[in-house]
Amino acid sequence: MPMKLFDTKIIAVSNQKGGVGKTTTAINLATSLAAIKKKILIIDADPQGNASTGIGITYEEREPSLYKLITLGDHDDKSIKQTIVPGLDIIPSSSDLAGSEIELVDVSNREFVLRSIIEKIENYDFIIIDCPPALGLLTINAIVAAHSIIIPLQCEFFALEGLTSLINIIDLIKDNYKENEKSKLKKIDG
């Protein structure tokens, strides 16, 4: 039986700026949670595929990747790869994922594609989505699917300006796509 969306804690790690530690945060959080015996799934939603590489998934092992799931609009259990970390699995990414932004443009309810895939995944305590450094459809899909967001940030003035912009976008997404849900997206201050 597929999980109910609210049985598993879904966390998106997002910031429109690159090089701020999104992937490092996603991998370290996932590994730490697995170390305390939680069942974890990372979804590598970044076409660069660094979470997949960082967790030890070779290019040859990445099919079917997240790109294939998004273009099919459905889940395939073969896309979930075990890692060397006990209790930590991953749906890997490949550079093909960059094309999904274009392919999703004409799809109805395109903001919910990732969420509908996640709804069919069973038996995880946490799903951590490593987002790309952009505010395109992949990131919007991750935010719509997530219960909470972690926003890694550099300690500098211009990063705060970007944070304000991202929070405004998250609020818009909440208002437009999540307003009738039981669990609201939470802002994490810190």
N, C-alpha and C. Protein backbone atom coordinates (compact mmCIF):
# COMPACT_ATOMS: atom_id res chain seq x y z
N MET A 1 0.85 -1.18 0.00
CA MET A 1 0.00 0.00 0.00
C MET A 1 0.89 1.24 0.00
N PRO A 2 0.69 2.16 -0.93
CA PRO A 2 1.52 3.37 -0.96
C PRO A 2 1.35 4.21 0.30
N MET A 3 2.40 4.94 0.62
CA MET A 3 2.34 5.78 1.81
C MET A 3 1.34 6.90 1.63
N LYS A 4 0.84 7.39 2.73
CA LYS A 4 0.07 8.62 2.70
C LYS A 4 1.08 9.75 2.74
N LEU A 5 0.82 10.81 2.02
CA LEU A 5 1.78 11.91 1.89
C LEU A 5 2.24 12.43 3.24
N PHE A 6 1.39 12.36 4.28
CA PHE A 6 1.75 12.95 5.56
C PHE A 6 2.36 11.95 6.53
N ASP A 7 2.52 10.67 6.13
CA ASP A 7 3.18 9.69 6.99
C ASP A 7 4.69 9.87 6.99
N THR A 8 5.23 10.38 5.93
CA THR A 8 6.66 10.57 5.76
C THR A 8 6.94 12.07 5.80
N LYS A 9 7.99 12.45 6.49
CA LYS A 9 8.41 13.86 6.53
C LYS A 9 9.21 14.15 5.26
N ILE A 10 8.75 15.12 4.49
CA ILE A 10 9.40 15.48 3.23
C ILE A 10 10.05 16.84 3.39
N ILE A 11 11.36 16.88 3.17
CA ILE A 11 12.13 18.11 3.35
C ILE A 11 12.82 18.47 2.03
N ALA A 12 12.58 19.68 1.56
CA ALA A 12 13.31 20.19 0.39
C ALA A 12 14.48 21.02 0.88
N VAL A 13 15.63 20.83 0.25
CA VAL A 13 16.81 21.65 0.54
C VAL A 13 16.97 22.54 -0.68
N SER A 14 16.70 23.84 -0.50
CA SER A 14 16.56 24.73 -1.65
C SER A 14 17.18 26.10 -1.40
N ASN A 15 17.73 26.66 -2.45
CA ASN A 15 18.16 28.05 -2.53
C ASN A 15 18.44 28.30 -4.00
N GLN A 16 18.00 29.43 -4.52
CA GLN A 16 18.21 29.69 -5.94
C GLN A 16 19.67 29.95 -6.27
N LYS A 17 20.48 30.20 -5.25
CA LYS A 17 21.91 30.45 -5.45
C LYS A 17 22.67 29.13 -5.40
N GLY A 18 23.63 28.99 -6.27
CA GLY A 18 24.49 27.81 -6.26
C GLY A 18 25.64 27.98 -5.28
N GLY A 19 26.24 26.87 -4.91
CA GLY A 19 27.44 26.91 -4.08
C GLY A 19 27.22 27.27 -2.62
N VAL A 20 26.00 27.08 -2.12
CA VAL A 20 25.72 27.45 -0.73
C VAL A 20 25.64 26.24 0.19
N GLY A 21 25.79 25.04 -0.34
CA GLY A 21 25.79 23.85 0.49
C GLY A 21 24.51 23.05 0.48
N LYS A 22 23.68 23.19 -0.55
CA LYS A 22 22.42 22.43 -0.61
C LYS A 22 22.68 20.92 -0.63
N THR A 23 23.52 20.49 -1.54
CA THR A 23 23.79 19.06 -1.68
C THR A 23 24.51 18.52 -0.46
N THR A 24 25.48 19.26 0.04
CA THR A 24 26.20 18.84 1.25
C THR A 24 25.23 18.71 2.42
N THR A 25 24.32 19.67 2.56
CA THR A 25 23.32 19.61 3.63
C THR A 25 22.42 18.39 3.45
N ALA A 26 21.94 18.17 2.23
CA ALA A 26 21.04 17.04 1.97
C ALA A 26 21.73 15.71 2.30
N ILE A 27 22.95 15.53 1.83
CA ILE A 27 23.67 14.27 2.07
C ILE A 27 23.97 14.09 3.56
N ASN A 28 24.46 15.14 4.22
CA ASN A 28 24.81 15.01 5.64
C ASN A 28 23.59 14.80 6.51
N LEU A 29 22.50 15.50 6.22
CA LEU A 29 21.26 15.30 6.98
C LEU A 29 20.75 13.87 6.78
N ALA A 30 20.73 13.42 5.55
CA ALA A 30 20.24 12.07 5.25
C ALA A 30 21.11 11.01 5.93
N THR A 31 22.41 11.17 5.87
CA THR A 31 23.32 10.21 6.49
C THR A 31 23.17 10.21 8.01
N SER A 32 23.01 11.39 8.59
CA SER A 32 22.83 11.50 10.05
C SER A 32 21.53 10.83 10.49
N LEU A 33 20.46 11.05 9.75
CA LEU A 33 19.19 10.42 10.10
C LEU A 33 19.25 8.90 9.94
N ALA A 34 19.95 8.44 8.90
CA ALA A 34 20.13 7.00 8.71
C ALA A 34 20.94 6.40 9.86
N ALA A 35 21.90 7.16 10.38
CA ALA A 35 22.74 6.68 11.49
C ALA A 35 21.94 6.46 12.76
N ILE A 36 20.82 7.14 12.89
CA ILE A 36 19.96 6.92 14.07
C ILE A 36 18.77 6.02 13.72
N LYS A 37 19.01 5.18 12.71
CA LYS A 37 18.08 4.10 12.32
C LYS A 37 16.77 4.57 11.70
N LYS A 38 16.78 5.74 11.07
CA LYS A 38 15.63 6.18 10.29
C LYS A 38 15.81 5.68 8.86
N LYS A 39 14.71 5.42 8.19
CA LYS A 39 14.74 4.99 6.79
C LYS A 39 14.62 6.25 5.93
N ILE A 40 15.63 6.50 5.10
CA ILE A 40 15.77 7.77 4.39
C ILE A 40 15.84 7.55 2.88
N LEU A 41 15.20 8.47 2.14
CA LEU A 41 15.31 8.51 0.69
C LEU A 41 15.73 9.92 0.29
N ILE A 42 16.81 10.02 -0.46
CA ILE A 42 17.18 11.29 -1.08
C ILE A 42 16.63 11.26 -2.49
N ILE A 43 16.01 12.36 -2.90
CA ILE A 43 15.63 12.54 -4.30
C ILE A 43 16.55 13.61 -4.86
N ASP A 44 17.38 13.23 -5.80
CA ASP A 44 18.33 14.16 -6.41
C ASP A 44 17.60 14.88 -7.55
N ALA A 45 17.08 16.06 -7.25
CA ALA A 45 16.30 16.83 -8.23
C ALA A 45 17.15 17.88 -8.93
N ASP A 46 18.45 17.77 -8.83
CA ASP A 46 19.36 18.70 -9.48
C ASP A 46 19.99 18.01 -10.69
N PRO A 47 19.83 18.57 -11.90
CA PRO A 47 20.40 17.94 -13.09
C PRO A 47 21.92 17.73 -13.03
N GLN A 48 22.61 18.46 -12.14
CA GLN A 48 24.05 18.25 -11.99
C GLN A 48 24.34 16.88 -11.38
N GLY A 49 23.39 16.34 -10.64
CA GLY A 49 23.53 14.99 -10.09
C GLY A 49 24.58 14.84 -9.01
N ASN A 50 24.91 15.93 -8.32
CA ASN A 50 25.98 15.85 -7.32
C ASN A 50 25.59 15.03 -6.10
N ALA A 51 24.33 15.02 -5.71
CA ALA A 51 23.92 14.17 -4.58
C ALA A 51 24.11 12.70 -4.95
N SER A 52 23.79 12.36 -6.18
CA SER A 52 23.97 10.97 -6.64
C SER A 52 25.45 10.60 -6.61
N THR A 53 26.29 11.48 -7.13
CA THR A 53 27.72 11.23 -7.12
C THR A 53 28.25 11.18 -5.68
N GLY A 54 27.82 12.14 -4.87
CA GLY A 54 28.31 12.24 -3.50
C GLY A 54 27.94 11.06 -2.63
N ILE A 55 26.88 10.38 -2.96
CA ILE A 55 26.44 9.23 -2.18
C ILE A 55 26.94 7.93 -2.80
N GLY A 56 27.70 8.04 -3.91
CA GLY A 56 28.38 6.87 -4.47
C GLY A 56 27.66 6.16 -5.60
N ILE A 57 26.72 6.82 -6.26
CA ILE A 57 26.00 6.19 -7.38
C ILE A 57 26.72 6.55 -8.68
N THR A 58 27.20 5.55 -9.39
CA THR A 58 27.91 5.80 -10.65
C THR A 58 26.91 6.17 -11.74
N TYR A 59 27.42 6.75 -12.81
CA TYR A 59 26.55 7.14 -13.93
C TYR A 59 25.84 5.93 -14.52
N GLU A 60 26.50 4.81 -14.53
CA GLU A 60 25.92 3.59 -15.11
C GLU A 60 24.75 3.07 -14.28
N GLU A 61 24.70 3.41 -12.98
CA GLU A 61 23.66 2.89 -12.08
C GLU A 61 22.44 3.81 -11.99
N ARG A 62 22.40 4.89 -12.71
CA ARG A 62 21.38 5.92 -12.49
C ARG A 62 20.07 5.73 -13.24
N GLU A 63 19.93 4.70 -14.01
CA GLU A 63 18.67 4.50 -14.74
C GLU A 63 17.83 3.43 -14.06
N PRO A 64 16.54 3.62 -13.97
CA PRO A 64 15.82 4.83 -14.35
C PRO A 64 16.06 5.94 -13.33
N SER A 65 16.30 7.12 -13.84
CA SER A 65 16.59 8.28 -13.00
C SER A 65 15.31 9.09 -12.75
N LEU A 66 15.46 10.17 -11.99
CA LEU A 66 14.31 11.04 -11.73
C LEU A 66 13.73 11.58 -13.03
N TYR A 67 14.58 11.84 -14.00
CA TYR A 67 14.09 12.32 -15.31
C TYR A 67 13.06 11.35 -15.89
N LYS A 68 13.37 10.07 -15.85
CA LYS A 68 12.45 9.07 -16.40
C LYS A 68 11.12 9.08 -15.64
N LEU A 69 11.19 9.21 -14.32
CA LEU A 69 9.96 9.24 -13.52
C LEU A 69 9.11 10.46 -13.86
N ILE A 70 9.76 11.61 -13.99
CA ILE A 70 9.02 12.85 -14.29
C ILE A 70 8.40 12.79 -15.67
N THR A 71 9.14 12.28 -16.65
CA THR A 71 8.57 12.23 -18.00
C THR A 71 7.45 11.20 -18.09
N LEU A 72 7.53 10.13 -17.31
CA LEU A 72 6.44 9.15 -17.28
C LEU A 72 5.30 9.62 -16.37
N GLY A 73 5.63 10.49 -15.40
CA GLY A 73 4.64 10.95 -14.44
C GLY A 73 4.23 9.87 -13.47
N ASP A 74 5.12 8.89 -13.26
CA ASP A 74 4.78 7.77 -12.39
C ASP A 74 6.04 7.25 -11.71
N HIS A 75 5.84 6.50 -10.62
CA HIS A 75 6.96 5.92 -9.88
C HIS A 75 7.33 4.56 -10.43
N ASP A 76 8.60 4.24 -10.38
CA ASP A 76 9.12 2.93 -10.76
C ASP A 76 10.07 2.51 -9.64
N ASP A 77 9.78 1.39 -8.95
CA ASP A 77 10.62 0.95 -7.83
C ASP A 77 12.08 0.77 -8.23
N LYS A 78 12.34 0.49 -9.51
CA LYS A 78 13.72 0.30 -9.97
C LYS A 78 14.53 1.59 -9.90
N SER A 79 13.86 2.73 -9.76
CA SER A 79 14.58 4.00 -9.69
C SER A 79 15.22 4.22 -8.32
N ILE A 80 14.77 3.51 -7.31
CA ILE A 80 15.33 3.66 -5.96
C ILE A 80 16.56 2.78 -5.84
N LYS A 81 17.69 3.42 -5.59
CA LYS A 81 18.98 2.73 -5.49
C LYS A 81 19.44 2.70 -4.05
N GLN A 82 19.91 1.54 -3.61
CA GLN A 82 20.51 1.44 -2.28
C GLN A 82 21.90 2.07 -2.32
N THR A 83 22.28 2.66 -1.20
CA THR A 83 23.62 3.24 -1.09
C THR A 83 24.44 2.39 -0.13
N ILE A 84 25.69 2.77 0.07
CA ILE A 84 26.54 2.03 1.01
C ILE A 84 26.17 2.35 2.46
N VAL A 85 25.34 3.37 2.66
CA VAL A 85 24.90 3.74 4.01
C VAL A 85 23.64 2.94 4.33
N PRO A 86 23.67 2.10 5.36
CA PRO A 86 22.47 1.33 5.70
C PRO A 86 21.28 2.26 6.01
N GLY A 87 20.14 1.95 5.39
CA GLY A 87 18.93 2.74 5.61
C GLY A 87 18.80 3.97 4.76
N LEU A 88 19.77 4.21 3.86
CA LEU A 88 19.75 5.39 3.00
C LEU A 88 19.69 4.98 1.54
N ASP A 89 18.61 5.37 0.88
CA ASP A 89 18.42 5.11 -0.55
C ASP A 89 18.36 6.42 -1.29
N ILE A 90 18.44 6.33 -2.62
CA ILE A 90 18.41 7.55 -3.44
C ILE A 90 17.70 7.28 -4.76
N ILE A 91 16.95 8.27 -5.22
CA ILE A 91 16.51 8.30 -6.61
C ILE A 91 17.49 9.24 -7.29
N PRO A 92 18.35 8.70 -8.16
CA PRO A 92 19.43 9.51 -8.73
C PRO A 92 18.96 10.45 -9.83
N SER A 93 19.87 11.34 -10.16
CA SER A 93 19.65 12.32 -11.22
C SER A 93 20.68 12.11 -12.31
N SER A 94 20.37 12.65 -13.46
CA SER A 94 21.33 12.70 -14.56
C SER A 94 21.15 14.03 -15.27
N SER A 95 22.05 14.34 -16.17
CA SER A 95 21.96 15.62 -16.88
C SER A 95 20.71 15.72 -17.72
N ASP A 96 20.09 14.59 -18.06
CA ASP A 96 18.82 14.61 -18.82
C ASP A 96 17.73 15.37 -18.08
N LEU A 97 17.83 15.42 -16.75
CA LEU A 97 16.80 16.07 -15.94
C LEU A 97 16.61 17.54 -16.33
N ALA A 98 17.64 18.18 -16.85
CA ALA A 98 17.51 19.57 -17.28
C ALA A 98 16.42 19.72 -18.34
N GLY A 99 16.22 18.72 -19.17
CA GLY A 99 15.19 18.75 -20.20
C GLY A 99 13.78 18.66 -19.66
N SER A 100 13.63 18.19 -18.43
CA SER A 100 12.28 18.02 -17.87
C SER A 100 11.58 19.36 -17.68
N GLU A 101 12.34 20.42 -17.45
CA GLU A 101 11.73 21.76 -17.29
C GLU A 101 10.94 22.11 -18.56
N ILE A 102 11.50 21.83 -19.71
CA ILE A 102 10.84 22.12 -20.99
C ILE A 102 9.68 21.16 -21.21
N GLU A 103 9.88 19.89 -20.89
CA GLU A 103 8.85 18.89 -21.11
C GLU A 103 7.63 19.07 -20.20
N LEU A 104 7.83 19.69 -19.04
CA LEU A 104 6.73 19.91 -18.11
C LEU A 104 5.86 21.11 -18.46
N VAL A 105 6.33 21.98 -19.33
CA VAL A 105 5.63 23.23 -19.61
C VAL A 105 4.18 23.00 -20.02
N ASP A 106 3.92 22.03 -20.86
CA ASP A 106 2.56 21.79 -21.35
C ASP A 106 1.78 20.74 -20.57
N VAL A 107 2.35 20.23 -19.49
CA VAL A 107 1.68 19.20 -18.68
C VAL A 107 0.70 19.87 -17.72
N SER A 108 -0.53 19.36 -17.68
CA SER A 108 -1.48 19.93 -16.71
C SER A 108 -1.06 19.50 -15.30
N ASN A 109 -1.28 20.38 -14.35
CA ASN A 109 -0.85 20.15 -12.96
C ASN A 109 0.64 19.83 -12.85
N ARG A 110 1.42 20.50 -13.67
CA ARG A 110 2.87 20.23 -13.72
C ARG A 110 3.58 20.48 -12.40
N GLU A 111 2.99 21.29 -11.54
CA GLU A 111 3.60 21.59 -10.24
C GLU A 111 3.46 20.42 -9.27
N PHE A 112 2.64 19.43 -9.60
CA PHE A 112 2.35 18.31 -8.71
C PHE A 112 2.94 16.99 -9.17
N VAL A 113 3.75 17.00 -10.23
CA VAL A 113 4.29 15.76 -10.79
C VAL A 113 5.16 15.03 -9.76
N LEU A 114 6.10 15.74 -9.14
CA LEU A 114 6.97 15.10 -8.15
C LEU A 114 6.15 14.61 -6.95
N ARG A 115 5.21 15.39 -6.53
CA ARG A 115 4.37 14.99 -5.40
C ARG A 115 3.62 13.70 -5.70
N SER A 116 3.07 13.59 -6.90
CA SER A 116 2.33 12.37 -7.25
C SER A 116 3.25 11.16 -7.31
N ILE A 117 4.51 11.35 -7.68
CA ILE A 117 5.48 10.26 -7.67
C ILE A 117 5.79 9.87 -6.23
N ILE A 118 6.03 10.85 -5.38
CA ILE A 118 6.36 10.59 -3.97
C ILE A 118 5.22 9.88 -3.25
N GLU A 119 3.98 10.20 -3.59
CA GLU A 119 2.83 9.57 -2.94
C GLU A 119 2.81 8.06 -3.13
N LYS A 120 3.52 7.55 -4.14
CA LYS A 120 3.54 6.12 -4.42
C LYS A 120 4.73 5.40 -3.80
N ILE A 121 5.56 6.13 -3.07
CA ILE A 121 6.75 5.56 -2.45
C ILE A 121 6.43 5.16 -1.02
N GLU A 122 6.84 3.97 -0.63
CA GLU A 122 6.51 3.42 0.68
C GLU A 122 7.71 3.34 1.62
N ASN A 123 7.40 3.33 2.92
CA ASN A 123 8.32 2.90 3.97
C ASN A 123 9.55 3.77 4.21
N TYR A 124 9.40 5.07 4.15
CA TYR A 124 10.50 5.96 4.51
C TYR A 124 10.04 6.89 5.63
N ASP A 125 10.95 7.14 6.56
CA ASP A 125 10.67 8.11 7.62
C ASP A 125 10.83 9.54 7.10
N PHE A 126 11.85 9.73 6.26
CA PHE A 126 12.13 11.04 5.68
C PHE A 126 12.47 10.90 4.20
N ILE A 127 11.98 11.85 3.42
CA ILE A 127 12.41 12.01 2.02
C ILE A 127 13.03 13.40 1.95
N ILE A 128 14.27 13.45 1.49
CA ILE A 128 15.00 14.71 1.39
C ILE A 128 15.23 15.00 -0.08
N ILE A 129 14.75 16.15 -0.53
CA ILE A 129 14.86 16.52 -1.94
C ILE A 129 15.97 17.55 -2.10
N ASP A 130 17.00 17.20 -2.84
CA ASP A 130 18.09 18.13 -3.15
C ASP A 130 17.68 18.89 -4.40
N CYS A 131 17.42 20.20 -4.25
CA CYS A 131 16.90 21.03 -5.34
C CYS A 131 18.03 21.63 -6.18
N PRO A 132 17.73 21.98 -7.43
CA PRO A 132 18.72 22.68 -8.25
C PRO A 132 18.86 24.14 -7.82
N PRO A 133 19.95 24.78 -8.24
CA PRO A 133 20.14 26.20 -7.89
C PRO A 133 19.37 27.12 -8.83
N ALA A 134 18.06 27.00 -8.81
CA ALA A 134 17.19 27.79 -9.67
C ALA A 134 15.78 27.73 -9.12
N LEU A 135 14.93 28.63 -9.57
CA LEU A 135 13.53 28.62 -9.13
C LEU A 135 12.61 28.20 -10.27
N GLY A 136 13.00 27.15 -10.98
CA GLY A 136 12.21 26.63 -12.08
C GLY A 136 11.21 25.59 -11.62
N LEU A 137 10.68 24.83 -12.57
CA LEU A 137 9.63 23.85 -12.27
C LEU A 137 10.10 22.72 -11.37
N LEU A 138 11.37 22.35 -11.43
CA LEU A 138 11.86 21.30 -10.54
C LEU A 138 11.80 21.75 -9.08
N THR A 139 12.24 22.98 -8.83
CA THR A 139 12.21 23.50 -7.47
C THR A 139 10.77 23.72 -7.02
N ILE A 140 9.93 24.24 -7.88
CA ILE A 140 8.51 24.42 -7.52
C ILE A 140 7.88 23.08 -7.18
N ASN A 141 8.17 22.04 -7.97
CA ASN A 141 7.67 20.70 -7.66
C ASN A 141 8.14 20.23 -6.29
N ALA A 142 9.39 20.48 -5.96
CA ALA A 142 9.94 20.07 -4.66
C ALA A 142 9.25 20.82 -3.53
N ILE A 143 9.05 22.11 -3.70
CA ILE A 143 8.41 22.91 -2.65
C ILE A 143 6.96 22.49 -2.45
N VAL A 144 6.25 22.21 -3.54
CA VAL A 144 4.87 21.75 -3.44
C VAL A 144 4.79 20.40 -2.71
N ALA A 145 5.76 19.53 -2.95
CA ALA A 145 5.75 18.20 -2.32
C ALA A 145 6.21 18.24 -0.86
N ALA A 146 7.00 19.24 -0.49
CA ALA A 146 7.65 19.26 0.82
C ALA A 146 6.73 19.72 1.95
N HIS A 147 7.02 19.20 3.14
CA HIS A 147 6.39 19.68 4.36
C HIS A 147 7.20 20.82 4.96
N SER A 148 8.50 20.83 4.72
CA SER A 148 9.36 21.90 5.22
C SER A 148 10.53 22.09 4.26
N ILE A 149 11.18 23.23 4.42
CA ILE A 149 12.31 23.58 3.55
C ILE A 149 13.48 24.01 4.42
N ILE A 150 14.64 23.51 4.05
CA ILE A 150 15.89 23.99 4.64
C ILE A 150 16.54 24.85 3.56
N ILE A 151 16.93 26.07 3.95
CA ILE A 151 17.55 27.00 3.00
C ILE A 151 18.99 27.26 3.46
N PRO A 152 19.96 26.54 2.90
CA PRO A 152 21.36 26.83 3.24
C PRO A 152 21.72 28.23 2.75
N LEU A 153 22.54 28.91 3.52
CA LEU A 153 22.78 30.32 3.25
C LEU A 153 24.21 30.69 3.60
N GLN A 154 24.84 31.48 2.75
CA GLN A 154 26.14 32.05 3.09
C GLN A 154 25.92 33.24 4.01
N CYS A 155 26.87 33.48 4.88
CA CYS A 155 26.75 34.59 5.82
C CYS A 155 27.27 35.88 5.18
N GLU A 156 26.44 36.46 4.32
CA GLU A 156 26.79 37.72 3.66
C GLU A 156 25.52 38.49 3.32
N PHE A 157 25.67 39.78 3.10
CA PHE A 157 24.53 40.66 2.88
C PHE A 157 23.68 40.25 1.68
N PHE A 158 24.31 39.99 0.54
CA PHE A 158 23.54 39.69 -0.67
C PHE A 158 22.77 38.38 -0.54
N ALA A 159 23.27 37.46 0.27
CA ALA A 159 22.55 36.21 0.50
C ALA A 159 21.23 36.49 1.22
N LEU A 160 21.21 37.48 2.09
CA LEU A 160 19.97 37.83 2.79
C LEU A 160 18.94 38.41 1.83
N GLU A 161 19.39 39.17 0.84
CA GLU A 161 18.46 39.67 -0.17
C GLU A 161 17.83 38.51 -0.93
N GLY A 162 18.65 37.53 -1.30
CA GLY A 162 18.15 36.35 -1.99
C GLY A 162 17.19 35.54 -1.14
N LEU A 163 17.46 35.49 0.17
CA LEU A 163 16.59 34.78 1.10
C LEU A 163 15.20 35.41 1.15
N THR A 164 15.16 36.73 1.17
CA THR A 164 13.88 37.45 1.17
C THR A 164 13.08 37.10 -0.07
N SER A 165 13.74 37.09 -1.22
CA SER A 165 13.08 36.74 -2.47
C SER A 165 12.56 35.30 -2.43
N LEU A 166 13.38 34.39 -1.95
CA LEU A 166 12.97 32.98 -1.89
C LEU A 166 11.78 32.79 -0.94
N ILE A 167 11.80 33.44 0.19
CA ILE A 167 10.68 33.32 1.14
C ILE A 167 9.39 33.86 0.51
N ASN A 168 9.49 34.95 -0.24
CA ASN A 168 8.31 35.48 -0.93
C ASN A 168 7.77 34.47 -1.94
N ILE A 169 8.67 33.80 -2.65
CA ILE A 169 8.24 32.80 -3.63
C ILE A 169 7.62 31.60 -2.93
N ILE A 170 8.21 31.17 -1.81
CA ILE A 170 7.63 30.06 -1.05
C ILE A 170 6.23 30.42 -0.58
N ASP A 171 6.05 31.65 -0.11
CA ASP A 171 4.71 32.09 0.31
C ASP A 171 3.72 32.06 -0.86
N LEU A 172 4.15 32.48 -2.03
CA LEU A 172 3.28 32.42 -3.21
C LEU A 172 2.90 30.98 -3.55
N ILE A 173 3.88 30.10 -3.47
CA ILE A 173 3.61 28.69 -3.75
C ILE A 173 2.64 28.13 -2.72
N LYS A 174 2.86 28.45 -1.44
CA LYS A 174 1.94 28.02 -0.39
C LYS A 174 0.53 28.49 -0.69
N ASP A 175 0.39 29.77 -1.01
CA ASP A 175 -0.92 30.35 -1.26
C ASP A 175 -1.61 29.72 -2.47
N ASN A 176 -0.85 29.44 -3.52
CA ASN A 176 -1.44 28.94 -4.75
C ASN A 176 -1.60 27.43 -4.83
N TYR A 177 -0.72 26.67 -4.18
CA TYR A 177 -0.73 25.22 -4.37
C TYR A 177 -0.94 24.42 -3.11
N LYS A 178 -0.82 25.02 -1.95
CA LYS A 178 -0.87 24.25 -0.72
C LYS A 178 -1.91 24.76 0.27
N GLU A 179 -2.76 25.69 -0.10
CA GLU A 179 -3.62 26.36 0.87
C GLU A 179 -4.60 25.45 1.58
N ASN A 180 -5.03 24.35 0.98
CA ASN A 180 -6.04 23.50 1.60
C ASN A 180 -5.48 22.24 2.25
N GLU A 181 -4.16 22.18 2.43
CA GLU A 181 -3.56 20.99 3.01
C GLU A 181 -3.59 21.02 4.53
N LYS A 182 -3.52 19.83 5.13
CA LYS A 182 -3.46 19.71 6.58
C LYS A 182 -2.15 20.26 7.11
N SER A 183 -1.06 19.97 6.41
CA SER A 183 0.26 20.37 6.88
C SER A 183 0.76 21.53 6.03
N LYS A 184 0.99 22.65 6.66
CA LYS A 184 1.49 23.82 5.94
C LYS A 184 3.01 23.79 5.89
N LEU A 185 3.55 24.36 4.84
CA LEU A 185 4.98 24.50 4.70
C LEU A 185 5.50 25.38 5.83
N LYS A 186 6.58 24.97 6.46
CA LYS A 186 7.11 25.72 7.59
C LYS A 186 8.37 26.47 7.17
N LYS A 187 8.50 27.67 7.64
CA LYS A 187 9.74 28.43 7.45
C LYS A 187 10.63 28.12 8.63
N ILE A 188 11.87 27.81 8.35
CA ILE A 188 12.82 27.52 9.41
C ILE A 188 13.71 28.73 9.57
N ASP A 189 13.63 29.39 10.71
CA ASP A 189 14.48 30.55 10.98
C ASP A 189 15.74 30.05 11.66
N GLY A 190 16.82 30.74 11.42
CA GLY A 190 18.00 30.31 12.11
C GLY A 190 19.18 30.98 11.59
